[in-house]
PDB file of all heavy atoms in Angstrom:
ATOM      1  N   GLY A   1      -7.936  75.962-107.341  1.00  0.00           N
ATOM      2  CA  GLY A   1      -9.343  75.798-106.726  1.00  0.00           C
ATOM      3  C   GLY A   1      -9.469  74.274-106.177  1.00  0.00           C
ATOM      4  O   GLY A   1      -8.644  73.466-106.400  1.00  0.00           O
ATOM      5  N   CYS A   2     -10.392  74.184-105.288  1.00  0.00           N
ATOM      6  CA  CYS A   2     -10.623  72.910-104.636  1.00  0.00           C
ATOM      7  C   CYS A   2     -12.146  72.729-104.420  1.00  0.00           C
ATOM      8  O   CYS A   2     -12.860  73.656-104.116  1.00  0.00           O
ATOM      9  CB  CYS A   2      -9.877  72.872-103.346  1.00  0.00           C
ATOM     10  SG  CYS A   2     -10.096  71.416-102.190  1.00  0.00           S
ATOM     11  N   GLU A   3     -12.515  71.474-104.492  1.00  0.00           N
ATOM     12  CA  GLU A   3     -13.892  71.174-104.277  1.00  0.00           C
ATOM     13  C   GLU A   3     -14.002  69.844-103.427  1.00  0.00           C
ATOM     14  O   GLU A   3     -13.312  68.920-103.885  1.00  0.00           O
ATOM     15  CB  GLU A   3     -14.651  71.042-105.483  1.00  0.00           C
ATOM     16  CG  GLU A   3     -16.203  70.724-105.400  1.00  0.00           C
ATOM     17  CD  GLU A   3     -17.001  70.629-106.667  1.00  0.00           C
ATOM     18  OE1 GLU A   3     -17.005  71.763-107.297  1.00  0.00           O
ATOM     19  OE2 GLU A   3     -17.164  69.422-107.168  1.00  0.00           O
ATOM     20  N   VAL A   4     -14.713  69.814-102.321  1.00  0.00           N
ATOM     21  CA  VAL A   4     -14.831  68.581-101.535  1.00  0.00           C
ATOM     22  C   VAL A   4     -16.315  68.255-101.378  1.00  0.00           C
ATOM     23  O   VAL A   4     -17.170  69.195-101.083  1.00  0.00           O
ATOM     24  CB  VAL A   4     -14.291  68.728-100.096  1.00  0.00           C
ATOM     25  CG1 VAL A   4     -14.542  67.588 -99.226  1.00  0.00           C
ATOM     26  CG2 VAL A   4     -12.639  69.000-100.157  1.00  0.00           C
ATOM     27  N   VAL A   5     -16.826  67.120-101.737  1.00  0.00           N
ATOM     28  CA  VAL A   5     -18.147  66.634-101.644  1.00  0.00           C
ATOM     29  C   VAL A   5     -18.194  65.473-100.706  1.00  0.00           C
ATOM     30  O   VAL A   5     -17.510  64.568-100.904  1.00  0.00           O
ATOM     31  CB  VAL A   5     -18.794  66.302-102.936  1.00  0.00           C
ATOM     32  CG1 VAL A   5     -20.275  65.844-102.840  1.00  0.00           C
ATOM     33  CG2 VAL A   5     -18.631  67.394-103.986  1.00  0.00           C
ATOM     34  N   VAL A   6     -19.008  65.592 -99.591  1.00  0.00           N
ATOM     35  CA  VAL A   6     -19.270  64.490 -98.689  1.00  0.00           C
ATOM     36  C   VAL A   6     -20.728  64.217 -98.699  1.00  0.00           C
ATOM     37  O   VAL A   6     -21.574  65.083 -98.604  1.00  0.00           O
ATOM     38  CB  VAL A   6     -18.906  64.977 -97.213  1.00  0.00           C
ATOM     39  CG1 VAL A   6     -19.032  63.770 -96.222  1.00  0.00           C
ATOM     40  CG2 VAL A   6     -17.470  65.356 -97.206  1.00  0.00           C
ATOM     41  N   SER A   7     -21.093  62.986 -98.899  1.00  0.00           N
ATOM     42  CA  SER A   7     -22.481  62.513 -99.185  1.00  0.00           C
ATOM     43  C   SER A   7     -22.700  61.224 -98.330  1.00  0.00           C
ATOM     44  O   SER A   7     -21.835  60.382 -98.188  1.00  0.00           O
ATOM     45  CB  SER A   7     -22.838  62.237-100.687  1.00  0.00           C
ATOM     46  OG  SER A   7     -22.020  61.195-101.177  1.00  0.00           O
ATOM     47  N   GLY A   8     -23.951  61.097 -97.821  1.00  0.00           N
ATOM     48  CA  GLY A   8     -24.449  60.020 -97.087  1.00  0.00           C
ATOM     49  C   GLY A   8     -25.115  60.478 -95.875  1.00  0.00           C
ATOM     50  O   GLY A   8     -25.619  61.595 -95.793  1.00  0.00           O
ATOM     51  N   LYS A   9     -25.419  59.598 -94.784  1.00  0.00           N
ATOM     52  CA  LYS A   9     -25.975  59.983 -93.646  1.00  0.00           C
ATOM     53  C   LYS A   9     -25.124  60.718 -92.667  1.00  0.00           C
ATOM     54  O   LYS A   9     -24.398  60.195 -91.972  1.00  0.00           O
ATOM     55  CB  LYS A   9     -26.658  58.731 -92.990  1.00  0.00           C
ATOM     56  CG  LYS A   9     -27.775  58.128 -93.707  1.00  0.00           C
ATOM     57  CD  LYS A   9     -28.684  57.298 -92.909  1.00  0.00           C
ATOM     58  CE  LYS A   9     -27.925  55.899 -92.692  1.00  0.00           C
ATOM     59  NZ  LYS A   9     -28.821  54.949 -92.035  1.00  0.00           N
ATOM     60  N   LEU A  10     -25.062  61.988 -92.802  1.00  0.00           N
ATOM     61  CA  LEU A  10     -24.129  62.887 -92.129  1.00  0.00           C
ATOM     62  C   LEU A  10     -24.630  63.016 -90.520  1.00  0.00           C
ATOM     63  O   LEU A  10     -23.857  62.650 -89.574  1.00  0.00           O
ATOM     64  CB  LEU A  10     -24.037  64.273 -92.702  1.00  0.00           C
ATOM     65  CG  LEU A  10     -23.587  64.127 -94.168  1.00  0.00           C
ATOM     66  CD1 LEU A  10     -23.654  65.545 -94.809  1.00  0.00           C
ATOM     67  CD2 LEU A  10     -22.115  63.641 -94.242  1.00  0.00           C
ATOM     68  N   ARG A  11     -25.785  63.589 -90.325  1.00  0.00           N
ATOM     69  CA  ARG A  11     -26.286  63.825 -88.917  1.00  0.00           C
ATOM     70  C   ARG A  11     -27.634  62.985 -88.773  1.00  0.00           C
ATOM     71  O   ARG A  11     -27.857  62.128 -87.881  1.00  0.00           O
ATOM     72  CB  ARG A  11     -26.432  65.153 -88.636  1.00  0.00           C
ATOM     73  CG  ARG A  11     -25.100  65.845 -88.233  1.00  0.00           C
ATOM     74  CD  ARG A  11     -25.287  67.326 -87.608  1.00  0.00           C
ATOM     75  NE  ARG A  11     -24.012  67.802 -87.329  1.00  0.00           N
ATOM     76  CZ  ARG A  11     -23.770  69.021 -86.833  1.00  0.00           C
ATOM     77  NH1 ARG A  11     -24.982  69.735 -86.520  1.00  0.00           N
ATOM     78  NH2 ARG A  11     -22.670  69.631 -86.590  1.00  0.00           N
ATOM     79  N   ALA A  12     -28.660  63.410 -89.558  1.00  0.00           N
ATOM     80  CA  ALA A  12     -29.951  62.900 -89.496  1.00  0.00           C
ATOM     81  C   ALA A  12     -30.002  61.444 -90.173  1.00  0.00           C
ATOM     82  O   ALA A  12     -28.991  60.979 -90.828  1.00  0.00           O
ATOM     83  CB  ALA A  12     -30.969  63.760 -90.066  1.00  0.00           C
ATOM     84  N   ALA A  13     -31.192  60.917 -90.130  1.00  0.00           N
ATOM     85  CA  ALA A  13     -31.300  59.498 -90.753  1.00  0.00           C
ATOM     86  C   ALA A  13     -31.463  59.717 -92.188  1.00  0.00           C
ATOM     87  O   ALA A  13     -31.134  58.682 -92.961  1.00  0.00           O
ATOM     88  CB  ALA A  13     -32.653  58.934 -90.180  1.00  0.00           C
ATOM     89  N   ARG A  14     -31.901  60.913 -92.710  1.00  0.00           N
ATOM     90  CA  ARG A  14     -31.915  61.111 -94.098  1.00  0.00           C
ATOM     91  C   ARG A  14     -30.621  61.415 -94.800  1.00  0.00           C
ATOM     92  O   ARG A  14     -29.777  62.219 -94.155  1.00  0.00           O
ATOM     93  CB  ARG A  14     -32.914  62.228 -94.308  1.00  0.00           C
ATOM     94  CG  ARG A  14     -33.009  62.794 -95.819  1.00  0.00           C
ATOM     95  CD  ARG A  14     -34.334  62.025 -96.399  1.00  0.00           C
ATOM     96  NE  ARG A  14     -34.577  62.454 -97.714  1.00  0.00           N
ATOM     97  CZ  ARG A  14     -35.550  62.068 -98.410  1.00  0.00           C
ATOM     98  NH1 ARG A  14     -36.536  61.283 -97.895  1.00  0.00           N
ATOM     99  NH2 ARG A  14     -35.690  62.361 -99.731  1.00  0.00           N
ATOM    100  N   ALA A  15     -30.275  60.865 -95.772  1.00  0.00           N
ATOM    101  CA  ALA A  15     -28.887  60.953 -96.533  1.00  0.00           C
ATOM    102  C   ALA A  15     -28.999  62.396 -97.335  1.00  0.00           C
ATOM    103  O   ALA A  15     -30.016  62.648 -97.816  1.00  0.00           O
ATOM    104  CB  ALA A  15     -28.660  59.926 -97.444  1.00  0.00           C
ATOM    105  N   LYS A  16     -27.858  63.014 -97.265  1.00  0.00           N
ATOM    106  CA  LYS A  16     -27.784  64.224 -98.031  1.00  0.00           C
ATOM    107  C   LYS A  16     -26.429  64.501 -98.401  1.00  0.00           C
ATOM    108  O   LYS A  16     -25.392  63.735 -98.038  1.00  0.00           O
ATOM    109  CB  LYS A  16     -28.212  65.552 -97.248  1.00  0.00           C
ATOM    110  CG  LYS A  16     -27.400  65.808 -95.953  1.00  0.00           C
ATOM    111  CD  LYS A  16     -27.842  67.133 -95.319  1.00  0.00           C
ATOM    112  CE  LYS A  16     -27.068  67.425 -94.140  1.00  0.00           C
ATOM    113  NZ  LYS A  16     -27.518  68.668 -93.529  1.00  0.00           N
ATOM    114  N   SER A  17     -26.005  65.435 -99.307  1.00  0.00           N
ATOM    115  CA  SER A  17     -24.806  65.721 -99.912  1.00  0.00           C
ATOM    116  C   SER A  17     -24.378  67.236 -99.529  1.00  0.00           C
ATOM    117  O   SER A  17     -25.185  68.208 -99.526  1.00  0.00           O
ATOM    118  CB  SER A  17     -24.843  65.498-101.463  1.00  0.00           C
ATOM    119  OG  SER A  17     -23.658  65.841-101.939  1.00  0.00           O
ATOM    120  N   MET A  18     -23.176  67.420 -99.101  1.00  0.00           N
ATOM    121  CA  MET A  18     -22.606  68.629 -98.690  1.00  0.00           C
ATOM    122  C   MET A  18     -21.393  68.883 -99.506  1.00  0.00           C
ATOM    123  O   MET A  18     -20.514  68.203 -99.770  1.00  0.00           O
ATOM    124  CB  MET A  18     -22.183  68.746 -97.173  1.00  0.00           C
ATOM    125  CG  MET A  18     -23.340  68.534 -96.358  1.00  0.00           C
ATOM    126  SD  MET A  18     -22.742  68.530 -94.532  1.00  0.00           S
ATOM    127  CE  MET A  18     -22.468  70.199 -94.291  1.00  0.00           C
ATOM    128  N   LYS A  19     -21.415  70.090-100.161  1.00  0.00           N
ATOM    129  CA  LYS A  19     -20.321  70.555-101.175  1.00  0.00           C
ATOM    130  C   LYS A  19     -19.541  71.752-100.583  1.00  0.00           C
ATOM    131  O   LYS A  19     -20.243  72.740-100.117  1.00  0.00           O
ATOM    132  CB  LYS A  19     -20.863  70.866-102.421  1.00  0.00           C
ATOM    133  CG  LYS A  19     -19.727  71.204-103.470  1.00  0.00           C
ATOM    134  CD  LYS A  19     -20.311  71.644-104.808  1.00  0.00           C
ATOM    135  CE  LYS A  19     -20.935  70.470-105.579  1.00  0.00           C
ATOM    136  NZ  LYS A  19     -21.402  70.912-106.855  1.00  0.00           N
ATOM    137  N   PHE A  20     -18.236  71.673-100.499  1.00  0.00           N
ATOM    138  CA  PHE A  20     -17.338  72.673 -99.918  1.00  0.00           C
ATOM    139  C   PHE A  20     -16.429  73.121-101.023  1.00  0.00           C
ATOM    140  O   PHE A  20     -15.775  72.130-101.452  1.00  0.00           O
ATOM    141  CB  PHE A  20     -16.619  72.412 -98.674  1.00  0.00           C
ATOM    142  CG  PHE A  20     -17.511  71.721 -97.622  1.00  0.00           C
ATOM    143  CD1 PHE A  20     -17.693  70.277 -97.627  1.00  0.00           C
ATOM    144  CD2 PHE A  20     -18.050  72.526 -96.764  1.00  0.00           C
ATOM    145  CE1 PHE A  20     -18.508  69.737 -96.595  1.00  0.00           C
ATOM    146  CE2 PHE A  20     -18.888  72.014 -95.791  1.00  0.00           C
ATOM    147  CZ  PHE A  20     -19.100  70.609 -95.630  1.00  0.00           C
ATOM    148  N   SER A  21     -16.386  74.374-101.511  1.00  0.00           N
ATOM    149  CA  SER A  21     -15.547  74.624-102.700  1.00  0.00           C
ATOM    150  C   SER A  21     -15.014  76.077-102.417  1.00  0.00           C
ATOM    151  O   SER A  21     -15.567  76.879-101.791  1.00  0.00           O
ATOM    152  CB  SER A  21     -16.361  74.705-103.892  1.00  0.00           C
ATOM    153  OG  SER A  21     -17.462  75.610-103.849  1.00  0.00           O
ATOM    154  N   GLU A  22     -13.836  76.276-103.087  1.00  0.00           N
ATOM    155  CA  GLU A  22     -13.155  77.508-103.054  1.00  0.00           C
ATOM    156  C   GLU A  22     -12.304  77.607-104.263  1.00  0.00           C
ATOM    157  O   GLU A  22     -11.718  76.689-104.827  1.00  0.00           O
ATOM    158  CB  GLU A  22     -12.263  77.577-101.789  1.00  0.00           C
ATOM    159  CG  GLU A  22     -11.720  79.066-101.480  1.00  0.00           C
ATOM    160  CD  GLU A  22     -11.010  79.078-100.147  1.00  0.00           C
ATOM    161  OE1 GLU A  22     -11.128  78.295 -99.246  1.00  0.00           O
ATOM    162  OE2 GLU A  22      -9.986  79.954-100.064  1.00  0.00           O
ATOM    163  N   GLY A  23     -12.099  78.894-104.789  1.00  0.00           N
ATOM    164  CA  GLY A  23     -11.227  79.096-105.956  1.00  0.00           C
ATOM    165  C   GLY A  23     -11.856  78.854-107.230  1.00  0.00           C
ATOM    166  O   GLY A  23     -13.161  78.882-107.475  1.00  0.00           O
ATOM    167  N   PHE A  24     -11.095  78.665-108.219  1.00  0.00           N
ATOM    168  CA  PHE A  24     -11.466  78.441-109.568  1.00  0.00           C
ATOM    169  C   PHE A  24     -11.403  77.082-109.942  1.00  0.00           C
ATOM    170  O   PHE A  24     -10.451  76.330-109.712  1.00  0.00           O
ATOM    171  CB  PHE A  24     -10.585  79.325-110.536  1.00  0.00           C
ATOM    172  CG  PHE A  24     -10.727  79.172-111.982  1.00  0.00           C
ATOM    173  CD1 PHE A  24     -11.945  79.672-112.585  1.00  0.00           C
ATOM    174  CD2 PHE A  24      -9.790  78.629-112.851  1.00  0.00           C
ATOM    175  CE1 PHE A  24     -12.314  79.483-113.873  1.00  0.00           C
ATOM    176  CE2 PHE A  24     -10.040  78.510-114.181  1.00  0.00           C
ATOM    177  CZ  PHE A  24     -11.330  78.945-114.693  1.00  0.00           C
ATOM    178  N   MET A  25     -12.368  76.566-110.709  1.00  0.00           N
ATOM    179  CA  MET A  25     -12.480  75.247-111.161  1.00  0.00           C
ATOM    180  C   MET A  25     -13.133  75.095-112.441  1.00  0.00           C
ATOM    181  O   MET A  25     -14.234  75.675-112.774  1.00  0.00           O
ATOM    182  CB  MET A  25     -13.510  74.470-110.012  1.00  0.00           C
ATOM    183  CG  MET A  25     -13.472  73.002-110.335  1.00  0.00           C
ATOM    184  SD  MET A  25     -12.067  72.019-109.877  1.00  0.00           S
ATOM    185  CE  MET A  25     -12.085  72.249-108.141  1.00  0.00           C
ATOM    186  N   VAL A  26     -12.499  74.330-113.435  1.00  0.00           N
ATOM    187  CA  VAL A  26     -13.066  74.074-114.708  1.00  0.00           C
ATOM    188  C   VAL A  26     -13.708  72.624-114.705  1.00  0.00           C
ATOM    189  O   VAL A  26     -13.319  71.775-113.959  1.00  0.00           O
ATOM    190  CB  VAL A  26     -11.994  74.085-115.840  1.00  0.00           C
ATOM    191  CG1 VAL A  26     -11.381  75.514-116.099  1.00  0.00           C
ATOM    192  CG2 VAL A  26     -10.780  73.218-115.568  1.00  0.00           C
ATOM    193  N   HIS A  27     -14.793  72.519-115.384  1.00  0.00           N
ATOM    194  CA  HIS A  27     -15.578  71.299-115.390  1.00  0.00           C
ATOM    195  C   HIS A  27     -15.836  70.513-116.804  1.00  0.00           C
ATOM    196  O   HIS A  27     -16.228  69.400-116.920  1.00  0.00           O
ATOM    197  CB  HIS A  27     -16.942  71.589-114.926  1.00  0.00           C
ATOM    198  CG  HIS A  27     -17.111  72.143-113.487  1.00  0.00           C
ATOM    199  ND1 HIS A  27     -17.017  71.236-112.408  1.00  0.00           N
ATOM    200  CD2 HIS A  27     -17.144  73.243-112.977  1.00  0.00           C
ATOM    201  CE1 HIS A  27     -17.144  71.975-111.318  1.00  0.00           C
ATOM    202  NE2 HIS A  27     -17.088  73.242-111.643  1.00  0.00           N
ATOM    203  N   SER A  28     -15.414  71.112-117.867  1.00  0.00           N
ATOM    204  CA  SER A  28     -15.496  70.690-119.196  1.00  0.00           C
ATOM    205  C   SER A  28     -14.188  70.847-120.003  1.00  0.00           C
ATOM    206  O   SER A  28     -13.403  71.718-119.727  1.00  0.00           O
ATOM    207  CB  SER A  28     -16.642  71.149-119.861  1.00  0.00           C
ATOM    208  OG  SER A  28     -16.633  72.555-120.094  1.00  0.00           O
ATOM    209  N   GLY A  29     -14.146  70.082-121.107  1.00  0.00           N
ATOM    210  CA  GLY A  29     -13.046  70.247-122.135  1.00  0.00           C
ATOM    211  C   GLY A  29     -11.705  69.574-121.714  1.00  0.00           C
ATOM    212  O   GLY A  29     -11.675  68.926-120.633  1.00  0.00           O
TER     213      GLY A  29
END
């Protein structure tokens, strides 16, 4: 699995976060 997060002022003046993910991902333990 893979997860990519890009955050900041991407296009507009307002900052936002974009998440791109695929496959299997564990988050705990």
